[in-house]
Protein backbone atom coordinates (compact mmCIF):
# COMPACT_ATOMS: atom_id res chain seq x y z
CA UNK A 1 28.98 13.78 6.10
CA UNK A 2 26.07 15.82 7.35
CA UNK A 3 22.67 14.47 8.45
CA UNK A 4 19.49 16.50 8.94
CA UNK A 5 17.21 14.98 11.61
CA UNK A 6 14.16 17.00 10.69
CA UNK A 7 11.72 15.38 13.13
CA UNK A 8 12.40 14.28 16.68
CA UNK A 9 13.49 10.63 16.83
CA UNK A 10 14.91 8.65 19.75
CA UNK A 11 17.92 10.30 21.34
CA UNK A 12 19.72 6.97 21.00
CA UNK A 13 19.24 7.17 17.25
CA UNK A 14 20.73 10.68 17.14
CA UNK A 15 23.56 9.54 19.38
CA UNK A 16 24.30 6.62 17.09
CA UNK A 17 24.59 8.93 14.09
CA UNK A 18 26.81 11.35 15.95
CA UNK A 19 29.11 9.15 17.99
CA UNK A 20 29.13 5.70 16.48
CA UNK A 21 28.85 6.70 12.83
CA UNK A 22 30.76 9.95 13.19
CA UNK A 23 28.40 12.19 11.21
CA UNK A 24 27.64 15.84 11.78
CA UNK A 25 24.00 15.96 12.86
CA UNK A 26 21.64 18.94 12.52
CA UNK A 27 18.59 18.63 14.74
CA UNK A 28 16.05 20.74 12.85
CA UNK A 29 12.91 19.80 14.73
CA UNK A 30 9.86 21.89 13.90
CA UNK A 31 11.46 23.73 10.97
CA UNK A 32 9.22 25.53 8.54
CA UNK A 33 9.19 24.35 4.89
CA UNK A 34 11.31 27.36 3.96
CA UNK A 35 13.84 26.52 6.70
CA UNK A 36 14.02 22.88 5.54
CA UNK A 37 14.92 24.10 2.04
CA UNK A 38 17.79 26.07 3.58
CA UNK A 39 19.02 23.27 5.85
CA UNK A 40 19.20 20.59 3.14
CA UNK A 41 21.63 22.42 0.87
CA UNK A 42 24.66 20.41 2.04
CA UNK A 43 23.21 17.33 3.73
CA UNK A 44 23.78 13.74 2.65
CA UNK A 45 20.75 12.29 4.47
CA UNK A 46 17.45 13.36 5.99
CA UNK A 47 15.76 11.52 8.82
CA UNK A 48 12.01 12.23 9.34
CA UNK A 49 8.94 10.91 11.09
CA UNK A 50 5.60 12.14 9.73
CA UNK A 51 5.75 15.87 10.28
CA UNK A 52 8.34 17.15 7.79
CA UNK A 53 7.41 16.92 4.09
CA UNK A 54 10.28 15.85 1.86
CA UNK A 55 8.91 17.30 -1.35
CA UNK A 56 10.25 17.38 -4.91
CA UNK A 57 11.52 20.92 -4.07
CA UNK A 58 13.40 19.73 -0.98
CA UNK A 59 15.05 16.92 -2.97
CA UNK A 60 15.99 19.34 -5.77
CA UNK A 61 17.51 21.70 -3.18
CA UNK A 62 19.77 18.95 -1.78
CA UNK A 63 22.43 18.10 -4.41
CA UNK A 64 24.42 15.90 -2.03
CA UNK A 65 21.40 13.92 -0.80
CA UNK A 66 21.82 10.12 -0.86
CA UNK A 67 19.12 8.83 1.44
CA UNK A 68 15.85 9.79 3.17
CA UNK A 69 15.05 7.68 6.24
CA UNK A 70 11.47 7.50 7.66
CA UNK A 71 11.32 6.39 11.29
CA UNK A 72 8.00 4.63 10.83
CA UNK A 73 6.01 2.81 8.19
CA UNK A 74 4.22 5.23 5.85
CA UNK A 75 6.22 7.38 3.48
CA UNK A 76 3.27 9.60 2.45
CA UNK A 77 5.32 12.64 3.44
CA UNK A 78 8.16 11.77 1.03
CA UNK A 79 8.00 12.28 -2.72
CA UNK A 80 9.28 8.78 -3.52
CA UNK A 81 9.07 9.30 -7.29
CA UNK A 82 11.19 12.44 -7.21
CA UNK A 83 13.71 10.67 -4.92
CA UNK A 84 13.89 7.70 -7.28
CA UNK A 85 14.46 9.99 -10.30
CA UNK A 86 17.41 11.47 -8.41
CA UNK A 87 18.74 8.10 -7.29
CA UNK A 88 18.01 8.93 -3.63
CA UNK A 89 17.24 5.88 -1.47
CA UNK A 90 13.98 6.12 0.54
CA UNK A 91 13.81 3.78 3.52
CA UNK A 92 11.33 3.07 6.25
CA UNK A 93 11.10 0.87 9.38
CA UNK A 94 8.12 -1.32 8.60
CA UNK A 95 8.10 -3.59 11.64
CA UNK A 96 9.00 -1.21 14.48
CA UNK A 97 5.51 -0.02 15.37
CA UNK A 98 3.53 -3.24 14.81
CA UNK A 99 2.90 -4.12 18.47
CA UNK A 100 2.43 -0.47 19.49
CA UNK A 101 -0.31 0.12 16.90
CA UNK A 102 -1.98 -3.23 17.58
CA UNK A 103 -2.13 -2.49 21.32
CA UNK A 104 -3.50 1.01 20.73
CA UNK A 105 -6.18 -0.47 18.46
CA UNK A 106 -7.17 -2.93 21.12
CA UNK A 107 -7.20 -0.16 23.74
CA UNK A 108 -9.70 1.67 21.50
CA UNK A 109 -11.75 -1.50 21.15
CA UNK A 110 -11.86 -1.89 24.95
CA UNK A 111 -12.83 1.78 25.36
CA UNK A 112 -15.52 1.33 22.77
CA UNK A 113 -16.97 -1.52 24.83
CA UNK A 114 -16.50 0.12 28.25
CA UNK A 115 -16.57 3.95 28.26
CA UNK A 116 -13.58 4.28 30.58
CA UNK A 117 -12.37 7.69 29.23
CA UNK A 118 -15.81 9.25 29.65
CA UNK A 119 -16.26 7.79 33.16
CA UNK A 120 -12.78 9.02 34.14
CA UNK A 121 -13.67 12.55 32.93
CA UNK A 122 -16.92 12.44 34.88
CA UNK A 123 -15.07 11.41 38.06
CA UNK A 124 -12.51 14.20 37.65
CA UNK A 125 -15.39 16.64 37.28
CA UNK A 126 -16.56 15.62 40.76
CA UNK A 127 -19.44 13.30 39.79
CA UNK A 128 -20.35 9.76 40.85
CA UNK A 129 -22.44 8.58 38.00
CA UNK A 130 -22.63 4.80 37.67
CA UNK A 131 -25.72 4.68 35.46
CA UNK A 132 -24.46 6.61 32.49
CA UNK A 133 -21.40 4.51 31.74
CA UNK A 134 -22.70 1.01 31.32
CA UNK A 135 -20.87 -1.02 28.64
CA UNK A 136 -20.87 -4.35 26.88
CA UNK A 137 -18.47 -7.32 26.87
CA UNK A 138 -16.12 -8.44 24.14
CA UNK A 139 -16.61 -12.12 25.05
CA UNK A 140 -18.50 -14.03 22.32
CA UNK A 141 -18.89 -10.91 20.21
CA UNK A 142 -17.85 -10.76 16.53
CA UNK A 143 -14.92 -8.61 15.50
CA UNK A 144 -14.48 -7.81 11.81
CA UNK A 145 -10.83 -7.14 10.94
CA UNK A 146 -10.56 -5.44 7.54
CA UNK A 147 -6.98 -6.05 6.41
CA UNK A 148 -5.06 -8.93 7.96
CA UNK A 149 -1.50 -7.77 7.56
CA UNK A 150 1.08 -7.45 10.37
CA UNK A 151 -1.02 -5.18 12.60
CA UNK A 152 -4.41 -6.67 11.73
CA UNK A 153 -2.99 -10.11 12.52
CA UNK A 154 -1.78 -8.97 15.94
CA UNK A 155 -5.20 -7.42 16.72
CA UNK A 156 -6.85 -10.70 15.71
CA UNK A 157 -4.65 -12.63 18.12
CA UNK A 158 -5.67 -10.42 21.00
CA UNK A 159 -9.33 -10.62 20.09
CA UNK A 160 -9.20 -14.43 20.04
CA UNK A 161 -7.58 -14.31 23.50
CA UNK A 162 -10.64 -12.33 24.69
CA UNK A 163 -12.97 -15.02 23.36
CA UNK A 164 -14.15 -13.09 20.32
CA UNK A 165 -15.13 -14.56 16.99
CA UNK A 166 -12.90 -12.98 14.33
CA UNK A 167 -14.02 -12.41 10.76
CA UNK A 168 -11.29 -11.22 8.39
CA UNK A 169 -11.71 -9.44 5.08
CA UNK A 170 -8.54 -9.35 3.00
CA UNK A 171 -9.17 -10.04 -0.67
CA UNK A 172 -5.57 -11.17 -1.14
CA UNK A 173 -5.41 -13.56 1.77
CA UNK A 174 -5.32 -17.27 1.04
CA UNK A 175 -7.69 -19.58 3.00
CA UNK A 176 -4.77 -21.59 4.34
CA UNK A 177 -3.25 -18.50 5.93
CA UNK A 178 -6.56 -17.54 7.57
CA UNK A 179 -6.98 -21.06 8.94
CA UNK A 180 -3.51 -20.95 10.50
CA UNK A 181 -4.43 -17.69 12.21
CA UNK A 182 -7.75 -19.12 13.55
CA UNK A 183 -9.84 -16.49 11.77
CA UNK A 184 -12.75 -16.87 9.37
CA UNK A 185 -12.45 -15.38 5.88
CA UNK A 186 -15.46 -13.20 5.01
CA UNK A 187 -16.52 -10.78 2.36
CA UNK A 188 -16.70 -7.10 3.21
CA UNK A 189 -20.47 -7.26 3.08
CA UNK A 190 -20.51 -10.25 5.45
CA UNK A 191 -18.41 -8.36 7.97
CA UNK A 192 -20.64 -5.28 7.67
CA UNK A 193 -23.72 -7.41 8.31
CA UNK A 194 -22.40 -9.61 11.12
CA UNK A 195 -19.79 -7.68 13.10
CA UNK A 196 -20.39 -6.14 16.49
CA UNK A 197 -17.01 -4.45 16.22
CA UNK A 198 -14.99 -3.47 13.16
CA UNK A 199 -11.38 -2.39 12.93
CA UNK A 200 -9.59 -1.39 9.73
CA UNK A 201 -5.94 -2.12 8.90
CA UNK A 202 -5.51 -1.36 5.22
CA UNK A 203 -3.17 1.04 3.45
CA UNK A 204 -4.89 4.08 1.98
CA UNK A 205 -5.17 3.43 -1.81
CA UNK A 206 -7.63 4.17 -4.55
CA UNK A 207 -9.41 0.95 -3.63
CA UNK A 208 -9.60 1.58 0.10
CA UNK A 209 -10.39 5.27 0.21
CA UNK A 210 -13.85 5.68 1.78
CA UNK A 211 -14.22 1.89 1.94
CA UNK A 212 -16.51 2.48 4.88
CA UNK A 213 -19.00 5.12 3.66
CA UNK A 214 -22.75 5.78 3.90
CA UNK A 215 -23.59 2.68 1.87
CA UNK A 216 -21.40 0.50 4.08
CA UNK A 217 -22.92 1.84 7.29
CA UNK A 218 -26.43 1.09 5.95
CA UNK A 219 -25.44 -2.62 5.81
CA UNK A 220 -24.20 -2.72 9.42
CA UNK A 221 -25.91 -3.83 12.59
CA UNK A 222 -27.44 -1.13 14.73
CA UNK A 223 -25.07 -0.52 17.63
CA UNK A 224 -21.87 -1.20 15.72
CA UNK A 225 -18.58 -0.10 17.30
CA UNK A 226 -15.88 0.91 14.77
CA UNK A 227 -12.20 1.78 15.02
CA UNK A 228 -9.45 3.17 12.80
CA UNK A 229 -5.77 3.26 13.80
CA UNK A 230 -4.54 2.71 10.26
CA UNK A 231 -4.97 5.58 7.81
CA UNK A 232 -7.36 8.51 7.71
CA UNK A 233 -9.75 8.29 4.77
CA UNK A 234 -10.54 4.58 4.96
CA UNK A 235 -13.58 5.49 6.99
CA UNK A 236 -15.46 8.47 5.50
CA UNK A 237 -15.74 10.91 8.42
CA UNK A 238 -18.94 12.63 7.32
CA UNK A 239 -20.65 9.26 6.96
CA UNK A 240 -19.36 8.17 10.41
CA UNK A 241 -20.68 11.37 12.01
CA UNK A 242 -24.16 10.75 10.62
CA UNK A 243 -24.04 7.05 11.66
CA UNK A 244 -23.12 8.16 15.21
CA UNK A 245 -25.93 10.71 15.32
CA UNK A 246 -28.51 8.16 14.14
CA UNK A 247 -27.41 5.45 16.58
CA UNK A 248 -26.39 3.06 13.81
CA UNK A 249 -22.85 3.34 15.31
CA UNK A 250 -22.84 3.12 19.10
CA UNK A 251 -19.19 4.02 19.60
CA UNK A 252 -16.08 4.81 17.57
CA UNK A 253 -12.40 5.16 18.27
CA UNK A 254 -10.07 7.06 15.93
CA UNK A 255 -6.33 7.68 15.90
CA UNK A 256 -6.09 8.90 12.31
CA UNK A 257 -8.12 11.40 10.30
CA UNK A 258 -8.74 12.55 6.74
CA UNK A 259 -6.94 15.81 7.47
CA UNK A 260 -4.42 16.07 10.29
CA UNK A 261 -4.47 17.70 12.71
CA UNK A 262 -8.16 17.22 13.17
CA UNK A 263 -10.04 20.54 12.77
CA UNK A 264 -10.89 22.18 16.06
CA UNK A 265 -14.55 22.52 15.00
CA UNK A 266 -14.90 18.89 13.89
CA UNK A 267 -18.18 17.43 15.19
CA UNK A 268 -16.20 14.34 16.24
CA UNK A 269 -14.62 16.35 19.09
CA UNK A 270 -17.97 16.95 20.76
CA UNK A 271 -19.50 13.51 20.44
CA UNK A 272 -19.65 11.72 23.79
CA UNK A 273 -19.46 8.21 22.26
CA UNK A 274 -16.24 8.85 20.33
CA UNK A 275 -12.70 8.39 21.69
CA UNK A 276 -10.06 10.36 19.79
CA UNK A 277 -6.26 10.15 19.99
CA UNK A 278 -3.88 12.39 18.05
CA UNK A 279 -2.17 9.78 15.76
CA UNK A 280 -0.44 7.92 18.59
CA UNK A 281 -0.17 4.51 16.86
CA UNK A 282 3.60 4.34 17.10
CA UNK A 283 3.95 6.51 20.18
CA UNK A 284 5.35 4.13 22.75
CA UNK A 285 8.83 4.41 24.21
CA UNK A 286 9.73 0.98 22.87
CA UNK A 287 8.49 1.64 19.36
CA UNK A 288 10.10 5.09 19.08
CA UNK A 289 13.39 3.85 20.42
CA UNK A 290 13.27 0.91 18.02
CA UNK A 291 12.51 2.86 14.88
CA UNK A 292 14.90 5.69 15.87
CA UNK A 293 17.88 3.37 16.28
CA UNK A 294 16.87 1.28 13.27
CA UNK A 295 16.66 4.26 10.86
CA UNK A 296 20.00 5.62 12.14
CA UNK A 297 21.64 2.26 11.48
CA UNK A 298 20.05 2.03 7.99
CA UNK A 299 21.19 5.55 7.06
CA UNK A 300 24.70 4.79 8.23
CA UNK A 301 24.83 1.61 6.15
CA UNK A 302 23.85 3.45 2.98
CA UNK A 303 26.29 6.32 3.45
CA UNK A 304 29.16 3.98 4.31
CA UNK A 305 28.53 1.67 1.36
CA UNK A 306 26.87 -1.14 3.26
CA UNK A 307 23.71 -3.04 2.54
CA UNK A 308 20.53 -1.10 1.75
CA UNK A 309 17.79 -2.30 4.06
CA UNK A 310 14.05 -1.63 3.97
CA UNK A 311 14.28 0.62 0.91
CA UNK A 312 10.92 1.33 -0.68
CA UNK A 313 12.45 2.27 -4.05
CA UNK A 314 15.78 0.42 -4.31
CA UNK A 315 16.99 -3.18 -3.96
CA UNK A 316 19.87 -4.21 -1.67
CA UNK A 317 22.73 -4.12 -4.18
CA UNK A 318 26.08 -2.45 -4.75
CA UNK A 319 26.20 0.40 -7.27
CA UNK A 320 27.64 -1.58 -10.20
CA UNK A 321 25.15 -4.40 -10.03
CA UNK A 322 22.30 -2.00 -9.45
CA UNK A 323 23.12 -0.19 -12.70
CA UNK A 324 23.10 -3.48 -14.60
CA UNK A 325 19.85 -4.73 -13.10
CA UNK A 326 17.84 -1.48 -13.05
CA UNK A 327 16.17 -1.98 -16.47
CA UNK A 328 15.12 -5.54 -15.55
CA UNK A 329 13.94 -4.39 -12.10
CA UNK A 330 11.77 -1.69 -13.64
CA UNK A 331 10.30 -4.13 -16.24
CA UNK A 332 9.63 -6.72 -13.56
CA UNK A 333 7.88 -4.24 -11.32
CA UNK A 334 5.62 -3.13 -14.19
CA UNK A 335 4.79 -6.73 -15.13
CA UNK A 336 3.95 -7.47 -11.50
CA UNK A 337 1.59 -4.52 -11.14
CA UNK A 338 0.02 -5.20 -14.55
CA UNK A 339 -0.75 -8.81 -13.66
CA UNK A 340 -2.23 -7.80 -10.30
CA UNK A 341 -4.64 -5.41 -12.01
CA UNK A 342 -5.85 -7.87 -14.66
CA UNK A 343 -6.25 -10.89 -12.35
CA UNK A 344 -8.76 -11.68 -9.58
CA UNK A 345 -7.91 -10.43 -6.11
CA UNK A 346 -7.32 -13.91 -4.67
CA UNK A 347 -4.61 -16.04 -6.29
CA UNK A 348 -2.72 -19.07 -5.01
CA UNK A 349 0.49 -18.89 -7.05
CA UNK A 350 2.65 -16.26 -8.72
CA UNK A 351 4.82 -18.02 -11.29
CA UNK A 352 7.79 -16.13 -12.76
CA UNK A 353 9.71 -17.42 -15.79
CA UNK A 354 12.96 -16.10 -17.22
CA UNK A 355 14.52 -16.72 -20.61
CA UNK A 356 17.78 -15.58 -22.20
CA UNK A 357 20.41 -13.34 -20.60
CA UNK A 358 18.26 -12.77 -17.50
CA UNK A 359 18.93 -16.38 -16.49
CA UNK A 360 22.55 -15.52 -15.74
CA UNK A 361 21.79 -12.40 -13.74
CA UNK A 362 20.72 -12.02 -10.08
CA UNK A 363 17.18 -13.18 -10.74
CA UNK A 364 16.38 -13.03 -7.02
CA UNK A 365 16.44 -9.26 -7.12
CA UNK A 366 14.24 -9.14 -10.21
CA UNK A 367 11.81 -11.61 -8.59
CA UNK A 368 11.53 -9.37 -5.56
CA UNK A 369 10.84 -6.42 -7.85
CA UNK A 370 8.04 -8.38 -9.51
CA UNK A 371 6.55 -9.27 -6.09
CA UNK A 372 6.83 -5.65 -4.97
CA UNK A 373 5.09 -4.56 -8.20
CA UNK A 374 2.34 -7.06 -7.63
CA UNK A 375 1.86 -5.86 -4.02
CA UNK A 376 2.13 -2.12 -4.75
CA UNK A 377 -1.62 -1.57 -4.95
CA UNK A 378 -2.32 -4.23 -2.31
CA UNK A 379 0.00 -3.28 0.53
CA UNK A 380 0.72 0.34 -0.36
CA UNK A 381 3.78 1.95 1.22
CA UNK A 382 4.35 -1.04 3.45
CA UNK A 383 5.93 -3.10 0.67
CA UNK A 384 9.63 -2.90 -0.26
CA UNK A 385 12.30 -5.14 -1.74
CA UNK A 386 13.08 -6.64 1.63
CA UNK A 387 9.63 -7.55 2.89
CA UNK A 388 7.83 -8.38 -0.40
CA UNK A 389 8.46 -12.14 -0.09
CA UNK A 390 7.17 -12.26 3.47
CA UNK A 391 4.10 -10.24 2.56
CA UNK A 392 3.36 -12.71 -0.25
CA UNK A 393 3.76 -15.58 2.24
CA UNK A 394 1.49 -13.80 4.68
CA UNK A 395 -1.16 -13.66 1.99
CA UNK A 396 -0.71 -17.40 1.34
CA UNK A 397 0.60 -16.83 -2.19
CA UNK A 398 3.28 -19.26 -3.35
CA UNK A 399 5.97 -17.77 -5.57
CA UNK A 400 7.57 -20.03 -8.14
CA UNK A 401 10.53 -19.06 -10.33
CA UNK A 402 11.58 -20.89 -13.50
CA UNK A 403 14.72 -20.38 -15.56
CA UNK A 404 14.18 -21.67 -19.05
CA UNK A 405 16.59 -22.49 -21.88
CA UNK A 406 13.83 -23.03 -24.42
CA UNK A 407 13.58 -20.72 -27.45
CA UNK A 408 11.20 -17.91 -26.55
CA UNK A 409 11.60 -15.82 -29.68
CA UNK A 410 13.38 -13.04 -27.84
CA UNK A 411 16.95 -12.46 -26.68
CA UNK A 412 15.54 -12.13 -23.19
CA UNK A 413 12.07 -12.42 -21.81
CA UNK A 414 10.25 -12.57 -18.50
CA UNK A 415 6.74 -13.82 -17.87
CA UNK A 416 4.50 -13.39 -14.80
CA UNK A 417 1.55 -15.73 -14.33
CA UNK A 418 -1.05 -15.23 -11.56
CA UNK A 419 -2.78 -18.60 -10.95
CA UNK A 420 -6.06 -18.75 -9.13
CA UNK A 421 -7.03 -21.57 -6.74
CA UNK A 422 -9.18 -23.15 -9.50
CA UNK A 423 -6.26 -23.09 -11.99
CA UNK A 424 -7.11 -20.07 -14.14
CA UNK A 425 -4.04 -18.17 -15.37
CA UNK A 426 -3.68 -14.43 -15.92
CA UNK A 427 -0.39 -13.47 -17.46
CA UNK A 428 1.89 -10.86 -18.95
CA UNK A 429 5.26 -11.04 -20.66
CA UNK A 430 7.84 -8.36 -21.26
CA UNK A 431 11.27 -7.76 -22.73
CA UNK A 432 13.81 -4.95 -23.23
CA UNK A 433 14.22 -3.49 -26.69
CA UNK A 434 16.89 -1.28 -28.24
CA UNK A 435 20.06 0.35 -26.95
CA UNK A 436 18.14 2.26 -24.30
CA UNK A 437 16.64 -1.01 -23.05
CA UNK A 438 13.04 0.15 -23.36
CA UNK A 439 10.66 -2.01 -21.33
CA UNK A 440 8.01 -3.50 -23.66
CA UNK A 441 4.97 -5.62 -22.89
CA UNK A 442 4.75 -8.32 -25.62
CA UNK A 443 2.04 -10.61 -24.38
CA UNK A 444 -1.08 -10.33 -22.19
CA UNK A 445 -3.19 -13.35 -21.35
CA UNK A 446 -1.58 -15.42 -24.18
CA UNK A 447 -2.28 -12.69 -26.75
CA UNK A 448 0.71 -11.18 -28.55
CA UNK A 449 0.80 -7.40 -28.17
CA UNK A 450 3.54 -4.83 -28.29
CA UNK A 451 3.29 -1.70 -26.18
CA UNK A 452 5.69 0.44 -24.12
CA UNK A 453 5.47 -0.45 -20.44
CA UNK A 454 4.83 3.07 -19.25
CA UNK A 455 1.92 5.17 -17.98
CA UNK A 456 -1.70 4.03 -18.30
CA UNK A 457 -3.09 1.24 -20.41
CA UNK A 458 -6.66 0.45 -21.47
CA UNK A 459 -6.74 -3.35 -21.86
CA UNK A 460 -9.71 -4.61 -23.85
CA UNK A 461 -11.02 -7.99 -24.92
CA UNK A 462 -13.68 -7.69 -27.60
CA UNK A 463 -15.53 -9.49 -30.36
CA UNK A 464 -13.55 -9.14 -33.61
CA UNK A 465 -16.01 -6.97 -35.49
CA UNK A 466 -15.45 -3.97 -37.78
CA UNK A 467 -15.21 -0.50 -36.29
CA UNK A 468 -13.88 -1.32 -32.78
CA UNK A 469 -10.72 0.76 -33.16
CA UNK A 470 -12.77 3.75 -34.27
CA UNK A 471 -15.31 3.22 -31.51
CA UNK A 472 -12.67 3.20 -28.73
CA UNK A 473 -10.83 6.13 -30.30
CA UNK A 474 -14.03 8.14 -30.47
CA UNK A 475 -14.98 7.45 -26.84
CA UNK A 476 -11.52 8.37 -25.62
CA UNK A 477 -11.42 11.44 -27.89
CA UNK A 478 -14.69 12.74 -26.47
CA UNK A 479 -13.18 12.27 -23.03
CA UNK A 480 -10.11 14.36 -24.05
CA UNK A 481 -7.86 11.33 -23.53
CA UNK A 482 -4.95 11.24 -25.95
CA UNK A 483 -3.80 7.86 -27.34
CA UNK A 484 -0.01 7.40 -27.22
CA UNK A 485 0.01 4.08 -29.05
CA UNK A 486 -2.12 1.00 -29.66
CA UNK A 487 -1.55 -2.73 -30.19
CA UNK A 488 -4.08 -5.17 -31.66
CA UNK A 489 -4.10 -8.94 -31.46
CA UNK A 490 -6.42 -11.78 -32.50
CA UNK A 491 -6.19 -15.54 -32.89
CA UNK A 492 -8.73 -16.02 -35.72
CA UNK A 493 -10.75 -13.54 -37.85
CA UNK A 494 -14.19 -12.99 -36.35
CA UNK A 495 -13.24 -14.47 -32.97
CA UNK A 496 -12.04 -12.70 -29.89
CA UNK A 497 -9.56 -9.86 -30.21
CA UNK A 498 -7.31 -7.96 -27.79
CA UNK A 499 -6.68 -4.24 -27.92
CA UNK A 500 -4.14 -2.53 -25.66
CA UNK A 501 -4.26 1.26 -25.78
CA UNK A 502 -1.61 3.36 -24.06
CA UNK A 503 -3.08 6.65 -22.99
CA UNK A 504 -1.61 9.94 -21.68
CA UNK A 505 -4.29 10.42 -18.99
CA UNK A 506 -6.76 8.22 -17.12
CA UNK A 507 -10.20 7.93 -18.76
CA UNK A 508 -13.07 9.32 -16.75
CA UNK A 509 -15.56 7.02 -15.00
CA UNK A 510 -18.16 7.95 -17.62
CA UNK A 511 -15.81 6.96 -20.48
CA UNK A 512 -14.95 3.68 -18.82
CA UNK A 513 -18.65 2.93 -18.31
CA UNK A 514 -19.37 3.65 -21.98
CA UNK A 515 -16.60 1.31 -23.08
CA UNK A 516 -17.65 -1.49 -20.73
CA UNK A 517 -21.29 -1.26 -21.79
CA UNK A 518 -20.52 -1.59 -25.54
CA UNK A 519 -22.03 -4.92 -26.71
CA UNK A 520 -18.78 -6.06 -28.38
CA UNK A 521 -16.63 -5.50 -25.25
CA UNK A 522 -16.11 -8.62 -23.11
CA UNK A 523 -13.53 -7.17 -20.73
CA UNK A 524 -12.18 -3.70 -20.14
CA UNK A 525 -9.63 -2.65 -17.55
CA UNK A 526 -7.66 0.49 -17.01
CA UNK A 527 -4.18 -0.41 -15.79
CA UNK A 528 -1.80 2.12 -14.19
CA UNK A 529 1.83 1.11 -14.50
């Protein structure tokens, strides 16, 4: 078998593929997109870091391709959807760079407090300037950690060791988990108002893009120091530049940028109170050796029929069982992401119930798919079938599974309930229908509905008054949003009704606002499955 190592990984990883696994290895470092298309024509696996883009076109040009391995965490440079459609396993190494990134973040924090890089540059220029490089201490200052996952948690530990007060904003983190980590849970606004230092450790999603923008900086203390070693785009660069110019932000440290490489004419490059590094989060000898060897071992396991580890799009199963479970896995993932989008951000329990034939299958794999679906918009590319349970535990969410023999009205059914700390339940149920095992949503929040579990849904709770179907259809029609199908449900005439509308495209912000402001609408959510 032939492996393309498209980006430079640890030499020990390449040696493992060549000598221990016995594969033919092509080292195609720095290849142009056109060259990559040529190289993949007869390869069975591709190993990358962050430079090479494994696009839909690359996957289509590689008929023998079985696996894409990313030596690192993010898989932004891999078209995971196209790979999944082709049955290509996409894997990453989620834990290998945790310490490296946490330590780099804390290095930036220290440099933000004491301008060591600037003082060193001054010394090398021949100066002896003690007055210009005065700093402040970390001791007894407040650090706001936005996102308390693996890396954010490690940064928090180090801050506590320096005698800092740590405020943590993570809307999915349970209070018990925060208490165990000796941090204080806070809202984003509380962190913005109170923190002397802020560091971000969130995946880049629709919810986190430009989380720190002009409005956020207005709420901050004058003299804030802010750092980003997570993903470019969480902090809006234009807003940061203005905050640095005005003095609202006293210092910043960045390892990631909205566009990489950072433009040569970026104002950030000339600002004396900014420390910039070229995306070095995982660039330690230990981290690179670890992820290089790990991805080589994972690729070997897949190609030799072993266990699939750290796959972002496949469970750890053999081919026969995977074929049997795939429809249930897909349905479970969609129910998980649906429930996450209709429930509050903080829940205490995720309860999963199975009825019918599912009870006799490998429910553990389906449960992991549901957890991964729930976490997809929370943890981004970090979540996979392997680490989903540990990520749920890290957030302090208890996962309960129930196998029921009671009559549910369907041959097979699965239900996902998100339970809040005060006992409120937000739920969805689904089943498979027909010879093609179409995934169908049959219940949302105890209301019977029937809609294909695919694409985008507009989920509405409204007063049961005449004209609502026409009203919603008119608003969506004006917005050029086509309705694929619709399901209506009510308990009693004139009470509260549910409407689930499956749409071909996402409604605009203006259309959503018009729907939400209608006097008969009690709840309106757009859900992307």
